[in-house]
Amino acid sequence: MKRVLLTIALVATVFTSCKKDATSKIKAENVAQAAVRDEAAKKLPVIEFEKKEHDFGTIQRGTAVETVFKFTNTGNAPLIITNASSSCGCTVPEFHKDEPIAPGETGELVVKYNGSGINQVSKTVTVTTNTEKGSELVKIKAFVEEPGK
């Protein structure tokens, strides 16, 4: 029993002596750097589209169409689009990859659709960005008819 109490007392002494030295090891320059880093981490870009969906209406099968999704960086850090991928090969997004868009600036995402399919068609494009959310979806739709109808 005495050994257990002696061991507990020894461990308690070691831990309390470490606490006294901890505050003396803090460097003011490290605290300042951490504050700057934490403040920078709060600054994020925000992508805001004028529209998130476009309806081409009725089109003839095989007729290529395209639309432009305009957006603005409403955040407080440069916006970077790293990728844009469609839900199928018939839809092709075009954008300026890895080109920073400053806060307040605008950009465009062109989406081309080759008119394949039949009847009501709906496609999505996933836009991968450096925003807090990490990605956004835009959609296109059309009613595709056989030629001659």
Protein backbone atom coordinates (compact mmCIF):
# COMPACT_ATOMS: atom_id res chain seq x y z
CA MET A 1 0.00 0.00 0.00
CA LYS A 2 2.87 2.33 0.82
CA ARG A 3 4.40 1.63 -2.60
CA VAL A 4 1.16 2.60 -4.34
CA LEU A 5 0.91 5.87 -2.39
CA LEU A 6 4.58 6.61 -3.02
CA THR A 7 4.14 5.97 -6.77
CA ILE A 8 1.05 8.21 -6.95
CA ALA A 9 2.87 10.99 -5.10
CA LEU A 10 5.88 10.72 -7.43
CA VAL A 11 3.70 10.85 -10.56
CA ALA A 12 1.73 13.83 -9.20
CA THR A 13 4.96 15.69 -8.51
CA VAL A 14 6.23 15.13 -12.04
CA PHE A 15 2.98 16.37 -13.62
CA THR A 16 2.71 19.47 -11.46
CA SER A 17 6.32 20.43 -12.11
CA CYS A 18 5.70 20.15 -15.89
CA LYS A 19 2.78 22.58 -15.68
CA LYS A 20 4.95 25.26 -14.11
CA ASP A 21 7.42 25.11 -17.00
CA ALA A 22 4.78 25.05 -19.77
CA THR A 23 3.95 28.75 -19.66
CA SER A 24 7.60 29.74 -19.78
CA LYS A 25 8.01 27.84 -23.05
CA ILE A 26 5.41 29.92 -24.94
CA LYS A 27 7.03 32.31 -27.42
CA ALA A 28 5.23 35.51 -28.33
CA GLU A 29 6.28 35.24 -31.99
CA ASN A 30 4.65 31.80 -32.27
CA VAL A 31 1.42 33.13 -30.80
CA ALA A 32 1.44 36.00 -33.32
CA GLN A 33 2.07 33.62 -36.24
CA ALA A 34 -0.76 31.36 -35.08
CA ALA A 35 -3.12 34.33 -34.90
CA VAL A 36 -2.25 35.37 -38.48
CA ARG A 37 -2.68 31.77 -39.69
CA ASP A 38 -6.06 31.42 -37.95
CA GLU A 39 -7.29 34.71 -39.39
CA ALA A 40 -6.23 33.67 -42.91
CA ALA A 41 -8.07 30.37 -42.51
CA LYS A 42 -11.32 32.31 -41.98
CA LYS A 43 -11.00 33.90 -45.43
CA LEU A 44 -12.74 31.74 -48.00
CA PRO A 45 -14.04 32.23 -51.51
CA VAL A 46 -17.77 31.90 -52.15
CA ILE A 47 -19.09 31.03 -55.61
CA GLU A 48 -22.48 32.54 -56.43
CA PHE A 49 -24.11 31.62 -59.75
CA GLU A 50 -26.55 33.94 -61.54
CA LYS A 51 -28.52 30.78 -62.34
CA LYS A 52 -27.99 27.15 -61.36
CA GLU A 53 -30.32 25.61 -63.94
CA HIS A 54 -30.89 26.17 -67.65
CA ASP A 55 -33.77 24.83 -69.72
CA PHE A 56 -33.06 24.56 -73.46
CA GLY A 57 -36.75 23.92 -74.09
CA THR A 58 -37.62 21.63 -77.01
CA ILE A 59 -34.73 20.73 -79.32
CA GLN A 60 -34.28 18.31 -82.20
CA ARG A 61 -32.29 15.15 -81.46
CA GLY A 62 -28.64 15.63 -82.44
CA THR A 63 -28.79 19.43 -82.25
CA ALA A 64 -25.86 20.76 -80.25
CA VAL A 65 -26.68 23.55 -77.80
CA GLU A 66 -24.74 25.42 -75.15
CA THR A 67 -25.31 27.80 -72.27
CA VAL A 68 -23.15 29.96 -70.04
CA PHE A 69 -23.38 29.85 -66.26
CA LYS A 70 -22.01 33.17 -64.98
CA PHE A 71 -20.77 33.37 -61.42
CA THR A 72 -19.22 35.83 -58.97
CA ASN A 73 -16.73 35.26 -56.17
CA THR A 74 -18.59 36.90 -53.27
CA GLY A 75 -16.08 35.66 -50.69
CA ASN A 76 -12.92 37.28 -49.38
CA ALA A 77 -10.26 34.99 -50.91
CA PRO A 78 -9.37 33.98 -54.49
CA LEU A 79 -11.71 31.37 -55.99
CA ILE A 80 -10.17 28.46 -57.89
CA ILE A 81 -12.16 25.96 -59.94
CA THR A 82 -10.12 22.77 -60.03
CA ASN A 83 -12.56 20.61 -61.98
CA ALA A 84 -15.95 20.51 -63.65
CA SER A 85 -17.41 17.14 -64.57
CA SER A 86 -20.73 16.17 -66.12
CA SER A 87 -23.07 13.31 -65.36
CA CYS A 88 -22.52 11.86 -68.86
CA GLY A 89 -20.33 12.20 -71.94
CA CYS A 90 -23.00 14.06 -73.90
CA THR A 91 -22.48 17.14 -71.72
CA VAL A 92 -19.14 18.97 -71.75
CA PRO A 93 -18.24 21.78 -69.31
CA GLU A 94 -15.54 24.30 -70.25
CA PHE A 95 -13.79 26.59 -67.76
CA HIS A 96 -10.44 28.23 -67.00
CA LYS A 97 -8.85 25.57 -64.79
CA ASP A 98 -6.85 26.74 -61.77
CA GLU A 99 -7.16 30.41 -62.80
CA PRO A 100 -7.83 32.38 -59.57
CA ILE A 101 -10.87 34.63 -59.56
CA ALA A 102 -10.37 37.49 -57.12
CA PRO A 103 -13.07 38.51 -54.62
CA GLY A 104 -15.75 40.53 -56.43
CA GLU A 105 -14.68 39.27 -59.87
CA THR A 106 -16.84 37.20 -62.22
CA GLY A 107 -16.25 34.12 -64.33
CA GLU A 108 -18.04 31.80 -66.72
CA LEU A 109 -18.68 28.10 -67.05
CA VAL A 110 -19.75 27.06 -70.55
CA VAL A 111 -21.81 23.87 -70.75
CA LYS A 112 -22.29 22.18 -74.13
CA TYR A 113 -24.88 19.44 -74.75
CA ASN A 114 -24.87 17.38 -77.95
CA GLY A 115 -28.63 16.77 -78.10
CA SER A 116 -28.54 13.02 -77.54
CA GLY A 117 -31.32 11.13 -75.81
CA ILE A 118 -35.04 11.35 -76.28
CA ASN A 119 -37.93 13.02 -74.44
CA GLN A 120 -37.16 14.86 -71.18
CA VAL A 121 -33.40 14.96 -70.51
CA SER A 122 -31.72 16.34 -67.40
CA LYS A 123 -27.94 16.55 -66.83
CA THR A 124 -25.79 17.88 -63.98
CA VAL A 125 -22.32 19.38 -63.86
CA THR A 126 -20.34 19.20 -60.63
CA VAL A 127 -18.03 22.20 -60.18
CA THR A 128 -15.17 21.45 -57.77
CA THR A 129 -13.78 24.55 -56.04
CA ASN A 130 -11.73 25.70 -53.07
CA THR A 131 -14.85 26.98 -51.27
CA GLU A 132 -15.90 25.79 -47.83
CA LYS A 133 -18.50 23.49 -49.39
CA GLY A 134 -16.00 22.18 -51.97
CA SER A 135 -18.40 21.76 -54.89
CA GLU A 136 -21.53 23.13 -56.53
CA LEU A 137 -24.02 21.63 -58.97
CA VAL A 138 -25.48 23.28 -62.06
CA LYS A 139 -28.13 21.60 -64.20
CA ILE A 140 -29.32 21.64 -67.77
CA LYS A 141 -32.48 20.15 -69.18
CA ALA A 142 -34.23 19.84 -72.50
CA PHE A 143 -37.06 18.03 -74.21
CA VAL A 144 -35.44 16.15 -77.09
CA GLU A 145 -37.62 15.29 -80.11
CA GLU A 146 -36.91 13.09 -83.12
CA PRO A 147 -36.15 15.22 -86.20
CA GLY A 148 -39.18 15.98 -88.33
CA LYS A 149 -41.72 16.13 -85.51
